[in-house]
Protein backbone atom coordinates (compact mmCIF):
# COMPACT_ATOMS: atom_id res chain seq x y z
CA MET A 1 104.65 -90.83 -176.22
CA ALA A 2 107.22 -93.00 -177.99
CA ASP A 3 109.39 -89.94 -178.70
CA GLN A 4 109.23 -88.96 -175.00
CA GLU A 5 110.27 -92.48 -173.95
CA ASN A 6 113.14 -92.38 -176.43
CA ILE A 7 114.25 -89.02 -175.08
CA THR A 8 114.16 -90.29 -171.48
CA SER A 9 116.02 -93.45 -172.47
CA SER A 10 118.68 -91.47 -174.29
CA ARG A 11 119.06 -89.15 -171.30
CA PHE A 12 119.49 -92.06 -168.86
CA SER A 13 121.95 -93.84 -171.17
CA GLN A 14 124.16 -90.75 -171.34
CA LEU A 15 124.63 -90.71 -167.52
CA THR A 16 127.76 -92.09 -165.98
CA LEU A 17 127.66 -95.19 -163.78
CA GLN A 18 128.09 -93.11 -160.62
CA GLN A 19 125.22 -90.85 -161.64
CA LYS A 20 122.99 -93.83 -162.43
CA LEU A 21 123.75 -95.35 -159.01
CA GLY A 22 123.03 -92.06 -157.25
CA LEU A 23 119.74 -91.66 -159.11
CA GLY A 24 118.72 -95.24 -158.30
CA VAL A 25 119.63 -94.81 -154.64
CA GLY A 26 117.61 -91.60 -154.45
CA VAL A 27 114.51 -93.17 -156.00
CA ALA A 28 114.86 -96.22 -153.73
CA ALA A 29 115.29 -93.95 -150.71
CA LEU A 30 112.14 -92.07 -151.67
CA PHE A 31 110.11 -95.26 -151.92
CA ALA A 32 111.60 -96.55 -148.67
CA LEU A 33 110.73 -93.29 -146.99
CA PHE A 34 107.12 -93.53 -148.13
CA ALA A 35 106.91 -97.16 -146.98
CA GLY A 36 108.52 -96.36 -143.60
CA ALA A 37 106.18 -93.43 -143.05
CA TRP A 38 103.16 -95.61 -143.78
CA LEU A 39 104.40 -98.38 -141.48
CA TRP A 40 105.22 -95.87 -138.75
CA SER A 41 101.73 -94.41 -138.92
CA GLN A 42 100.27 -97.92 -138.71
CA THR A 43 102.41 -99.04 -135.72
CA PRO A 44 100.08 -99.67 -132.73
CA ASP A 45 100.61 -98.22 -129.30
CA TYR A 46 101.62 -101.07 -126.99
CA ARG A 47 100.48 -101.28 -123.39
CA ILE A 48 101.09 -103.73 -120.56
CA LEU A 49 98.92 -106.84 -120.63
CA TYR A 50 100.48 -108.71 -117.68
CA SER A 51 103.62 -108.27 -115.64
CA ASN A 52 105.68 -110.54 -113.38
CA LEU A 53 104.45 -113.70 -115.07
CA SER A 54 105.83 -117.11 -114.32
CA ASP A 55 107.50 -119.06 -117.13
CA ARG A 56 104.59 -121.49 -117.37
CA ASP A 57 101.95 -118.75 -117.54
CA GLY A 58 104.05 -116.69 -119.95
CA GLY A 59 104.40 -119.55 -122.40
CA ALA A 60 100.70 -120.39 -122.26
CA ILE A 61 99.69 -116.74 -122.78
CA ILE A 62 102.05 -116.27 -125.75
CA GLU A 63 100.67 -119.42 -127.37
CA SER A 64 97.12 -118.15 -126.94
CA LEU A 65 98.03 -114.71 -128.34
CA GLN A 66 99.53 -116.33 -131.42
CA GLN A 67 96.37 -118.34 -131.97
CA MET A 68 94.26 -115.18 -131.64
CA ASN A 69 96.59 -113.23 -134.05
CA ILE A 70 97.22 -110.51 -131.46
CA PRO A 71 100.63 -108.83 -131.87
CA TYR A 72 102.73 -108.72 -128.71
CA LYS A 73 106.20 -107.81 -127.55
CA PHE A 74 108.21 -107.82 -124.35
CA ALA A 75 109.27 -104.84 -122.31
CA GLU A 76 112.92 -104.18 -121.58
CA GLY A 77 114.19 -106.92 -119.32
CA GLY A 78 111.23 -109.19 -120.07
CA GLY A 79 109.35 -108.08 -116.97
CA ALA A 80 106.09 -107.33 -118.78
CA LEU A 81 104.14 -108.56 -121.79
CA LEU A 82 102.83 -105.80 -124.07
CA VAL A 83 100.02 -105.88 -126.65
CA ALA A 84 98.31 -103.23 -128.77
CA SER A 85 96.45 -100.71 -126.62
CA ASP A 86 93.16 -101.20 -128.47
CA ARG A 87 93.21 -104.96 -127.81
CA VAL A 88 94.29 -105.08 -124.15
CA HIS A 89 90.80 -105.63 -122.75
CA GLU A 90 89.85 -108.08 -125.46
CA ALA A 91 92.99 -110.14 -124.80
CA ARG A 92 92.42 -110.17 -121.04
CA LEU A 93 88.82 -111.34 -121.40
CA LYS A 94 89.74 -114.11 -123.84
CA LEU A 95 92.67 -115.26 -121.69
CA ALA A 96 90.47 -115.21 -118.58
CA SER A 97 87.99 -117.51 -120.32
CA GLN A 98 90.88 -119.95 -120.78
CA GLY A 99 91.87 -119.70 -117.11
CA LEU A 100 95.04 -117.68 -117.77
CA PRO A 101 97.11 -116.63 -116.01
CA LYS A 102 96.98 -119.32 -113.38
CA GLY A 103 99.39 -117.50 -111.08
CA GLY A 104 101.84 -120.37 -110.81
CA ASN A 105 99.61 -122.29 -108.38
CA VAL A 106 98.50 -125.80 -109.18
CA GLY A 107 95.04 -126.83 -108.13
CA PHE A 108 93.07 -130.04 -108.24
CA GLU A 109 94.07 -130.51 -111.87
CA LEU A 110 97.20 -132.02 -110.35
CA MET A 111 95.10 -135.03 -109.33
CA GLU A 112 94.09 -135.64 -112.93
CA ASN A 113 97.61 -136.71 -113.93
CA GLN A 114 98.11 -139.39 -111.27
CA ARG A 115 100.44 -142.16 -112.35
CA PHE A 116 99.54 -145.79 -111.92
CA GLY A 117 101.10 -147.32 -108.83
CA ILE A 118 101.66 -144.07 -106.96
CA THR A 119 102.32 -144.49 -103.25
CA GLN A 120 99.90 -143.34 -100.58
CA PHE A 121 102.42 -140.79 -99.31
CA ALA A 122 102.86 -139.23 -102.76
CA GLU A 123 99.09 -139.15 -103.22
CA GLN A 124 98.66 -137.37 -99.88
CA VAL A 125 101.35 -134.84 -100.81
CA ASN A 126 99.68 -134.13 -104.17
CA TYR A 127 96.34 -133.68 -102.47
CA GLN A 128 97.84 -131.20 -100.01
CA ARG A 129 99.54 -129.27 -102.85
CA ALA A 130 96.29 -129.17 -104.80
CA LEU A 131 94.37 -127.92 -101.74
CA GLU A 132 96.98 -125.22 -101.10
CA GLY A 133 96.80 -124.08 -104.73
CA GLU A 134 93.00 -123.89 -104.72
CA LEU A 135 92.99 -121.90 -101.49
CA ALA A 136 95.63 -119.53 -102.89
CA ARG A 137 93.52 -118.95 -105.99
CA SER A 138 90.50 -118.20 -103.83
CA VAL A 139 92.45 -115.69 -101.75
CA GLN A 140 93.85 -114.03 -104.91
CA SER A 141 90.30 -113.34 -106.09
CA ILE A 142 90.13 -110.55 -103.47
CA GLY A 143 90.75 -107.22 -105.17
CA ALA A 144 93.48 -105.96 -102.83
CA VAL A 145 95.51 -109.20 -103.05
CA ALA A 146 97.98 -109.48 -105.93
CA ALA A 147 99.41 -112.89 -105.02
CA ALA A 148 99.02 -115.41 -102.20
CA ARG A 149 100.69 -118.55 -100.92
CA VAL A 150 99.07 -120.99 -98.52
CA HIS A 151 100.99 -123.50 -96.40
CA LEU A 152 99.02 -126.25 -94.69
CA ALA A 153 100.31 -128.36 -91.80
CA ILE A 154 98.05 -131.40 -91.73
CA PRO A 155 99.15 -133.99 -89.11
CA LYS A 156 98.82 -137.70 -89.60
CA PRO A 157 95.70 -139.25 -88.06
CA SER A 158 96.27 -141.25 -84.89
CA VAL A 159 94.09 -143.68 -82.96
CA PHE A 160 95.44 -142.39 -79.65
CA VAL A 161 93.70 -139.37 -78.23
CA LYS A 162 96.84 -137.95 -76.60
CA GLU A 163 98.74 -137.99 -79.90
CA GLN A 164 96.05 -136.29 -81.96
CA GLN A 165 97.03 -132.88 -83.31
CA ARG A 166 94.98 -130.16 -84.93
CA PRO A 167 95.88 -128.87 -88.42
CA SER A 168 97.16 -125.31 -88.91
CA ALA A 169 97.75 -122.97 -91.84
CA SER A 170 99.96 -120.03 -92.79
CA VAL A 171 99.07 -117.50 -95.49
CA VAL A 172 101.50 -115.05 -97.11
CA LEU A 173 99.85 -112.19 -99.02
CA SER A 174 101.31 -109.80 -101.59
CA LEU A 175 99.02 -106.78 -101.70
CA GLN A 176 98.46 -104.40 -104.58
CA GLY A 177 100.40 -101.14 -104.54
CA GLY A 178 98.91 -98.73 -102.02
CA ARG A 179 96.21 -101.18 -100.91
CA LEU A 180 95.54 -102.41 -97.38
CA LEU A 181 93.29 -105.07 -95.88
CA ASP A 182 90.86 -104.06 -93.17
CA SER A 183 89.93 -106.23 -90.22
CA SER A 184 86.85 -107.71 -91.88
CA GLN A 185 88.82 -108.83 -94.95
CA VAL A 186 91.52 -110.48 -92.82
CA SER A 187 88.80 -112.23 -90.80
CA ALA A 188 87.19 -113.43 -94.05
CA ILE A 189 90.51 -114.95 -95.23
CA ILE A 190 91.02 -116.68 -91.86
CA HIS A 191 87.54 -118.22 -91.88
CA LEU A 192 87.92 -119.21 -95.55
CA ILE A 193 91.06 -121.20 -94.78
CA SER A 194 89.74 -122.73 -91.54
CA SER A 195 86.46 -123.76 -93.15
CA SER A 196 88.24 -125.51 -96.03
CA VAL A 197 90.31 -127.87 -93.86
CA PRO A 198 88.58 -130.37 -91.54
CA GLU A 199 89.00 -129.81 -87.77
CA MET A 200 90.94 -126.56 -88.28
CA SER A 201 90.18 -123.69 -85.93
CA ALA A 202 90.32 -120.04 -86.93
CA LYS A 203 92.88 -119.48 -84.15
CA ASP A 204 95.29 -121.82 -85.94
CA VAL A 205 95.49 -119.66 -89.11
CA THR A 206 98.29 -117.09 -89.42
CA VAL A 207 98.15 -114.33 -92.06
CA VAL A 208 101.24 -112.26 -92.99
CA ASP A 209 101.67 -109.63 -95.71
CA GLN A 210 104.69 -109.02 -97.94
CA ASN A 211 106.18 -106.60 -95.38
CA GLY A 212 106.17 -109.20 -92.62
CA THR A 213 103.27 -107.59 -90.76
CA LEU A 214 101.16 -110.04 -88.77
CA LEU A 215 97.58 -109.38 -89.81
CA SER A 216 95.87 -112.11 -87.79
CA ALA A 217 97.07 -111.02 -84.32
CA GLU A 218 93.83 -109.46 -83.09
CA HIS A 219 91.74 -112.31 -84.50
CA ASN A 220 93.75 -114.90 -82.58
CA GLY A 221 93.31 -113.11 -79.26
CA ASN A 222 96.76 -111.47 -79.28
CA THR A 223 95.79 -107.84 -79.53
CA GLY A 224 99.00 -106.53 -78.00
CA GLU A 225 99.21 -102.98 -76.78
CA GLY A 226 98.17 -101.27 -79.97
CA LEU A 227 94.86 -99.57 -80.61
CA ASP A 228 92.10 -101.36 -82.43
CA ALA A 229 91.56 -99.94 -85.90
CA ASN A 230 87.85 -100.69 -85.70
CA GLN A 231 87.54 -98.62 -82.53
CA LEU A 232 89.32 -95.65 -84.12
CA LYS A 233 87.11 -95.96 -87.17
CA TYR A 234 84.01 -96.05 -85.00
CA VAL A 235 85.08 -92.88 -83.15
CA GLN A 236 85.65 -91.10 -86.46
CA GLN A 237 82.24 -92.18 -87.72
CA ILE A 238 80.56 -90.85 -84.56
CA GLU A 239 82.37 -87.51 -84.82
CA GLN A 240 81.67 -87.11 -88.53
CA SER A 241 78.02 -87.95 -87.94
CA TYR A 242 77.63 -85.13 -85.40
CA ILE A 243 79.57 -82.69 -87.61
CA LYS A 244 77.34 -83.46 -90.58
CA ARG A 245 74.24 -83.15 -88.42
CA ILE A 246 75.24 -79.70 -87.12
CA GLU A 247 76.37 -78.30 -90.48
CA SER A 248 73.30 -79.60 -92.32
CA LEU A 249 71.09 -77.94 -89.72
CA LEU A 250 72.77 -74.52 -89.90
CA ALA A 251 73.62 -74.46 -93.62
CA PRO A 252 70.16 -73.29 -94.81
CA MET A 253 70.33 -70.37 -92.38
CA LEU A 254 73.93 -69.24 -92.71
CA GLY A 255 75.29 -70.89 -95.85
CA ALA A 256 77.52 -73.90 -96.18
CA ASN A 257 80.72 -71.80 -96.37
CA ASN A 258 79.93 -69.86 -93.21
CA ILE A 259 80.03 -72.76 -90.75
CA ARG A 260 82.87 -74.84 -89.33
CA ALA A 261 82.16 -77.51 -86.71
CA GLN A 262 84.36 -80.00 -84.90
CA VAL A 263 83.29 -82.74 -82.50
CA SER A 264 85.42 -84.69 -80.04
CA ALA A 265 83.74 -87.85 -78.75
CA ASP A 266 84.86 -89.79 -75.68
CA ILE A 267 83.74 -93.37 -76.26
CA ASP A 268 83.70 -96.11 -73.64
CA PHE A 269 84.89 -99.38 -75.19
CA SER A 270 85.06 -101.33 -71.92
CA ARG A 271 82.92 -104.43 -71.57
CA THR A 272 80.94 -104.21 -68.32
CA GLU A 273 78.54 -106.69 -66.72
CA GLN A 274 76.63 -106.01 -63.49
CA THR A 275 74.65 -108.38 -61.24
CA SER A 276 72.60 -106.93 -58.34
CA GLU A 277 70.33 -108.61 -55.74
CA ILE A 278 67.81 -106.33 -54.00
CA PHE A 279 65.71 -107.19 -50.87
CA LYS A 280 62.68 -105.04 -50.13
CA PRO A 281 60.88 -104.79 -46.73
CA ASN A 282 57.83 -107.02 -46.18
CA GLN A 283 54.51 -105.60 -47.16
CA PRO A 284 51.46 -105.51 -44.86
CA PRO A 285 50.05 -108.98 -44.00
CA ASN A 286 47.03 -108.62 -46.22
CA GLU A 287 49.27 -107.95 -49.26
CA SER A 288 52.05 -110.42 -48.52
CA ALA A 289 52.09 -114.10 -49.38
CA VAL A 290 52.24 -116.53 -46.40
CA ARG A 291 54.85 -119.17 -46.93
CA SER A 292 54.26 -121.20 -43.66
CA GLN A 293 52.48 -120.81 -40.24
CA GLN A 294 53.08 -122.60 -36.93
CA ILE A 295 51.05 -122.20 -33.60
CA SER A 296 51.96 -123.86 -30.27
CA GLU A 297 50.41 -123.65 -26.68
CA THR A 298 51.98 -124.76 -23.40
CA LEU A 299 49.99 -125.33 -20.06
CA ASN A 300 51.52 -125.68 -16.61
CA GLY A 301 49.22 -126.66 -13.59
CA ASN A 302 48.25 -129.20 -10.82
CA GLY A 303 45.65 -131.09 -12.82
CA LEU A 304 41.81 -131.25 -12.77
CA ALA A 305 39.75 -130.54 -9.55
CA ALA A 306 36.49 -132.36 -8.49
CA SER A 307 33.29 -130.59 -9.50
CA GLY A 308 29.59 -131.18 -9.95
CA VAL A 309 26.69 -132.19 -7.64
CA PRO A 310 27.20 -135.52 -6.00
CA GLY A 311 24.44 -138.05 -6.14
CA ALA A 312 21.81 -138.89 -8.74
CA LEU A 313 21.25 -135.33 -9.86
CA SER A 314 24.50 -135.35 -11.74
CA ASN A 315 23.30 -138.16 -13.93
CA GLN A 316 20.15 -136.35 -15.03
CA PRO A 317 19.99 -134.25 -18.19
CA PRO A 318 20.28 -130.55 -17.63
CA VAL A 319 17.25 -128.33 -17.52
CA PRO A 320 16.86 -126.08 -20.62
CA ALA A 321 18.48 -122.77 -20.06
CA THR A 322 16.39 -119.70 -19.67
CA ALA A 323 19.18 -117.19 -20.33
CA PRO A 324 22.32 -117.19 -22.56
CA ILE A 325 25.32 -118.67 -20.91
CA VAL A 326 28.57 -116.83 -21.39
CA ALA A 327 31.61 -118.72 -20.28
CA ALA A 328 35.26 -118.67 -21.07
CA SER A 329 36.48 -121.09 -23.64
CA PRO A 330 37.99 -124.08 -21.96
CA ALA A 331 41.57 -124.94 -22.38
CA VAL A 332 42.67 -127.55 -24.76
CA GLY A 333 41.89 -131.03 -23.45
CA VAL A 334 39.56 -129.79 -20.68
CA GLN A 335 35.96 -130.86 -20.75
CA PRO A 336 33.27 -128.39 -20.00
CA GLY A 337 32.06 -128.50 -16.46
CA ASN A 338 35.52 -129.42 -15.11
CA ASP A 339 37.60 -126.91 -13.21
CA LEU A 340 41.23 -126.60 -14.36
CA ASN A 341 43.85 -125.53 -11.89
CA VAL A 342 46.23 -123.64 -14.27
CA SER A 343 49.28 -121.82 -12.95
CA ASN A 344 51.05 -120.94 -16.36
CA LEU A 345 49.63 -120.75 -19.91
CA GLN A 346 52.06 -120.05 -22.93
CA LYS A 347 51.03 -119.63 -26.58
CA GLU A 348 53.47 -119.31 -29.61
CA SER A 349 52.57 -118.45 -33.22
CA THR A 350 55.14 -118.35 -36.09
CA VAL A 351 54.17 -117.06 -39.58
CA ASN A 352 56.73 -117.11 -42.54
CA TYR A 353 56.11 -114.79 -45.49
CA GLU A 354 57.70 -114.89 -49.00
CA VAL A 355 60.81 -112.69 -49.28
CA ASP A 356 60.60 -109.81 -51.82
CA ARG A 357 63.94 -110.30 -53.66
CA THR A 358 65.01 -108.87 -57.06
CA ILE A 359 68.07 -110.18 -59.01
CA ARG A 360 69.19 -108.01 -61.94
CA HIS A 361 71.97 -108.87 -64.45
CA THR A 362 72.97 -105.98 -66.68
CA VAL A 363 75.42 -106.05 -69.66
CA LEU A 364 76.40 -102.54 -70.70
CA PRO A 365 76.85 -102.02 -74.46
CA ILE A 366 80.29 -101.40 -75.93
CA GLY A 367 80.86 -98.01 -77.53
CA ALA A 368 78.66 -95.90 -75.34
CA ILE A 369 79.27 -92.14 -75.50
CA LYS A 370 80.78 -90.88 -72.26
CA ARG A 371 81.19 -87.23 -73.21
CA LEU A 372 80.87 -84.91 -76.22
CA SER A 373 82.86 -81.73 -76.83
CA VAL A 374 81.56 -79.55 -79.66
CA ALA A 375 83.11 -76.40 -81.09
CA VAL A 376 81.30 -74.35 -83.74
CA VAL A 377 82.63 -71.27 -85.52
CA VAL A 378 80.17 -69.08 -87.43
CA ASN A 379 81.11 -66.38 -89.91
CA GLY A 380 80.04 -63.08 -88.37
CA ASN A 381 80.30 -61.08 -91.59
CA ARG A 382 78.35 -62.97 -94.19
CA LYS A 383 78.01 -61.82 -97.77
CA THR A 384 74.41 -61.73 -98.96
CA THR A 385 73.04 -60.90 -102.40
CA ASP A 386 69.62 -59.31 -102.80
CA ALA A 387 67.22 -59.70 -105.71
CA LYS A 388 68.95 -56.91 -107.63
CA GLY A 389 72.31 -58.65 -107.39
CA LYS A 390 73.77 -56.20 -104.91
CA THR A 391 76.18 -57.73 -102.39
CA SER A 392 76.13 -56.61 -98.75
CA ILE A 393 77.72 -57.67 -95.47
CA GLN A 394 75.35 -59.00 -92.80
CA THR A 395 76.34 -59.41 -89.15
CA LEU A 396 74.82 -61.68 -86.53
CA SER A 397 72.73 -60.26 -83.71
CA ASP A 398 72.58 -61.55 -80.15
CA ALA A 399 69.25 -63.22 -80.88
CA ASP A 400 70.81 -65.04 -83.82
CA LYS A 401 73.70 -66.22 -81.64
CA GLU A 402 71.32 -67.54 -79.00
CA GLN A 403 69.27 -69.32 -81.65
CA ILE A 404 72.36 -70.96 -83.13
CA ASN A 405 73.47 -72.04 -79.66
CA ASN A 406 70.10 -73.67 -78.94
CA LEU A 407 69.98 -75.41 -82.30
CA VAL A 408 73.44 -76.89 -81.82
CA ARG A 409 72.47 -78.11 -78.34
CA GLU A 410 69.48 -79.94 -79.75
CA ALA A 411 71.44 -81.34 -82.69
CA MET A 412 74.17 -82.82 -80.50
CA GLY A 413 71.81 -84.03 -77.76
CA PHE A 414 73.44 -81.94 -75.07
CA ASP A 415 73.45 -83.70 -71.66
CA GLN A 416 74.59 -81.73 -68.63
CA ASN A 417 74.85 -84.84 -66.43
CA ARG A 418 77.10 -86.51 -68.96
CA GLY A 419 79.52 -83.60 -68.88
CA ASP A 420 79.01 -82.39 -72.45
CA SER A 421 80.51 -79.06 -73.47
CA LEU A 422 79.53 -76.66 -76.25
CA ASN A 423 81.37 -73.61 -77.49
CA VAL A 424 79.91 -71.44 -80.27
CA GLN A 425 82.09 -68.58 -81.48
CA VAL A 426 81.41 -65.87 -84.02
CA ALA A 427 84.38 -64.72 -86.09
CA SER A 428 85.16 -63.17 -89.45
CA PHE A 429 86.23 -65.73 -92.03
CA THR A 430 89.08 -64.99 -94.41
CA ASP A 431 88.59 -65.76 -98.06
CA THR A 432 90.67 -68.87 -98.60
CA THR A 433 89.36 -69.65 -102.08
CA GLU A 434 92.26 -69.66 -104.46
CA SER A 435 91.73 -69.39 -108.16
CA VAL A 436 93.06 -72.48 -109.82
CA GLU A 437 95.18 -71.42 -112.73
CA GLU A 438 94.79 -73.47 -115.81
CA ALA A 439 97.92 -75.26 -116.83
CA PRO A 440 99.71 -73.88 -119.90
CA ILE A 441 98.79 -75.47 -123.15
CA TRP A 442 102.21 -77.08 -123.48
CA GLN A 443 101.67 -78.87 -120.15
CA GLN A 444 98.24 -80.29 -120.92
CA PRO A 445 98.23 -84.04 -121.70
CA ASP A 446 96.01 -83.69 -124.76
CA ALA A 447 98.20 -80.97 -126.20
CA ILE A 448 101.32 -83.07 -125.58
CA GLU A 449 99.82 -86.07 -127.39
CA LEU A 450 98.73 -83.86 -130.30
CA ALA A 451 102.19 -82.31 -130.49
CA LYS A 452 103.77 -85.77 -130.62
CA GLU A 453 101.56 -86.77 -133.53
CA LEU A 454 102.23 -83.52 -135.40
CA LEU A 455 105.97 -83.83 -134.77
CA LYS A 456 105.93 -87.36 -136.13
CA TYR A 457 104.22 -86.33 -139.37
CA ALA A 458 106.33 -83.18 -139.65
CA LEU A 459 109.50 -85.26 -139.36
CA ILE A 460 108.25 -87.61 -142.08
CA SER A 461 107.40 -84.68 -144.33
CA ALA A 462 110.79 -83.03 -143.74
CA ILE A 463 112.65 -86.20 -144.67
CA MET A 464 110.54 -86.62 -147.79
CA LEU A 465 111.13 -83.03 -148.85
CA PHE A 466 114.86 -83.41 -148.21
CA VAL A 467 115.06 -86.49 -150.40
CA ILE A 468 112.98 -84.90 -153.16
CA PHE A 469 114.67 -81.49 -153.34
CA ARG A 470 118.23 -82.45 -152.39
CA ILE A 471 118.58 -85.82 -154.09
CA ILE A 472 115.91 -86.49 -156.71
CA LYS A 473 115.46 -82.99 -158.10
CA PRO A 474 119.22 -82.21 -158.57
CA ALA A 475 119.65 -85.57 -160.27
CA LEU A 476 116.80 -84.81 -162.68
CA GLN A 477 118.13 -81.32 -163.36
CA HIS A 478 121.55 -82.71 -164.08
CA LEU A 479 119.99 -85.26 -166.43
CA GLN A 480 118.07 -82.49 -168.21
CA THR A 481 121.24 -80.41 -168.57
CA ILE A 482 123.10 -83.30 -170.16
CA ALA A 483 120.27 -83.92 -172.58
CA SER A 484 120.02 -80.28 -173.57
CA ASP A 485 123.77 -80.04 -174.12
CA THR A 486 123.76 -83.11 -176.31
CA GLY A 487 120.84 -81.93 -178.40
CA GLY A 488 118.36 -84.36 -177.00
CA PHE A 489 115.46 -81.88 -177.18
CA THR A 490 114.44 -82.78 -180.68
CA ALA A 491 110.77 -83.09 -179.96
CA ALA A 492 110.36 -79.67 -178.37
CA PRO A 493 112.99 -77.10 -179.44
CA PRO A 494 113.74 -74.39 -176.93
CA LEU A 495 112.38 -70.89 -177.36
CA ALA A 496 114.46 -68.40 -179.30
CA GLU A 497 116.43 -66.13 -177.04
CA PRO A 498 117.52 -62.64 -177.98
CA GLU A 499 120.97 -62.46 -179.42
CA VAL A 500 123.54 -60.89 -177.16
CA THR A 501 126.87 -59.78 -178.52
CA TYR A 502 129.73 -60.28 -176.10
CA THR A 503 133.05 -58.56 -176.45
CA PRO A 504 136.27 -59.55 -174.72
CA SER A 505 135.88 -56.55 -172.39
CA THR A 506 132.38 -57.60 -171.24
CA PRO A 507 132.34 -59.10 -167.69
CA ASN A 508 129.78 -61.75 -168.69
CA PHE A 509 132.05 -62.86 -171.47
CA GLU A 510 134.93 -63.44 -169.05
CA HIS A 511 132.67 -65.37 -166.73
CA SER A 512 131.32 -67.52 -169.54
CA LEU A 513 134.84 -68.18 -170.81
CA GLN A 514 135.97 -69.38 -167.38
CA THR A 515 132.89 -71.58 -167.07
CA ALA A 516 133.55 -73.13 -170.48
CA LYS A 517 137.15 -73.87 -169.50
CA GLN A 518 136.13 -75.56 -166.29
CA LEU A 519 133.47 -77.57 -168.09
CA ALA A 520 136.03 -78.63 -170.72
CA GLN A 521 138.37 -79.82 -167.98
CA GLN A 522 135.72 -81.67 -165.97
CA GLU A 523 133.60 -83.07 -168.81
CA PRO A 524 135.71 -83.31 -171.98
CA LYS A 525 133.33 -85.78 -173.60
CA ILE A 526 130.39 -83.41 -173.28
CA VAL A 527 132.37 -80.52 -174.72
CA ALA A 528 133.51 -82.70 -177.64
CA SER A 529 129.91 -83.74 -178.32
CA VAL A 530 128.78 -80.11 -178.32
CA ILE A 531 131.53 -79.02 -180.70
CA LYS A 532 130.75 -81.99 -182.95
CA GLU A 533 127.11 -80.96 -183.03
CA TRP A 534 128.08 -77.40 -183.94
CA VAL A 535 130.26 -78.61 -186.82
CA ASN A 536 127.49 -80.83 -188.16
CA GLN A 537 125.08 -77.91 -188.10
């Protein structure tokens, strides 16, 4: 081992300064290459953590990432903050627990830093700013909203009724890419703002998106001339419901791919109220209710005439009657036994019955179906497969067509009085199924990622091989040649080679002579050392 170290030391000491520097640079480059390859393989894949951060939120997030020992870097232009891909979700959850990012809106934490001696006006302004920030944070919690700003107009209270004003609010929304707010979400934002400010009405809240579109028009009673999105959605739901009902009914009979149905629904969205008052003829007296009755009699005549038997007989009680006495009923106010000289007798009777009256107030529902138009196309040449796996073409008979027509009528609730229409046609379907060709392997995402990894390691290996075989190995060979020429192989003598006699006419002799001359010109010290060794031997 000591002899080998001495040999290596003697070899290295015989190199020139330029050769020593080249050998050192090659070895250093090899180690640097190994270190760079290891660091490159350990470099994480960075992904976006947050983008479009305010300066305050960015500083707070960076400070938290440094405390959590999570590596980060900025994208080009500083528009996004990147962290390692395997720690994106962890970082977001930990930052969310700290209330980051805050979105640049200040909330009621602004009231915690009130200075002593602050004026009432400044305190009111801070309260309004804090309320606007809290409302903006609440609106931003909606999934489709990326950012929000809330502006409140709160008037000063007044003791005079005529000078009292109601507060109002304006909301500016920045929606996520490709996201929209439906009518219910806009209504929820309006009621959230109006319910958070005292004496604010929902009609006094204005909502605008980042494109300047007024979202609160229909909620404030200003529907304009456009169509209501809810009405269009309702029509589509009705049509899709009938289509699904028809296809689900016929699919077990004909197959799901052999039916196509379309429904056109005419919906009445008008709001209608009707009030009717109906009078019926009076019923017979025994079935009707008497409300009032009045009877009057009028007599016209010359007065009462003298009657009876004069003398004492008229003062005696009458003799009991031996036969029934039938006499006309006397008039009103006439005593029996007196004769009444009547020239005109008039009787009047008035009876008032209860009136049979019916008042009906009807409110017709919105969204009633006025008319349905249904079109159904059935494949007339259906492919069927028997138990043996043999495929055949089956056509529809007239009985099958009539059965399909009746089933569709029942499924749609066909109403002739409503004006519904139904059209069932039988046609041959064309095969529209296209075979989806698999993408080439070089276009598949997994193959591309694998190719990138292999290319990275192949490039590292190529650089390492270049340094080893083009820098390190030639330097070692040159060092070995110098040592062998100077007789440094004392520990292990070379094998004996067969003696070859060269003559001046031999081509190898001429070539060797030229090589020796060139070596003597380029390396005179080496040639002198060789000759000196020969003389000593």
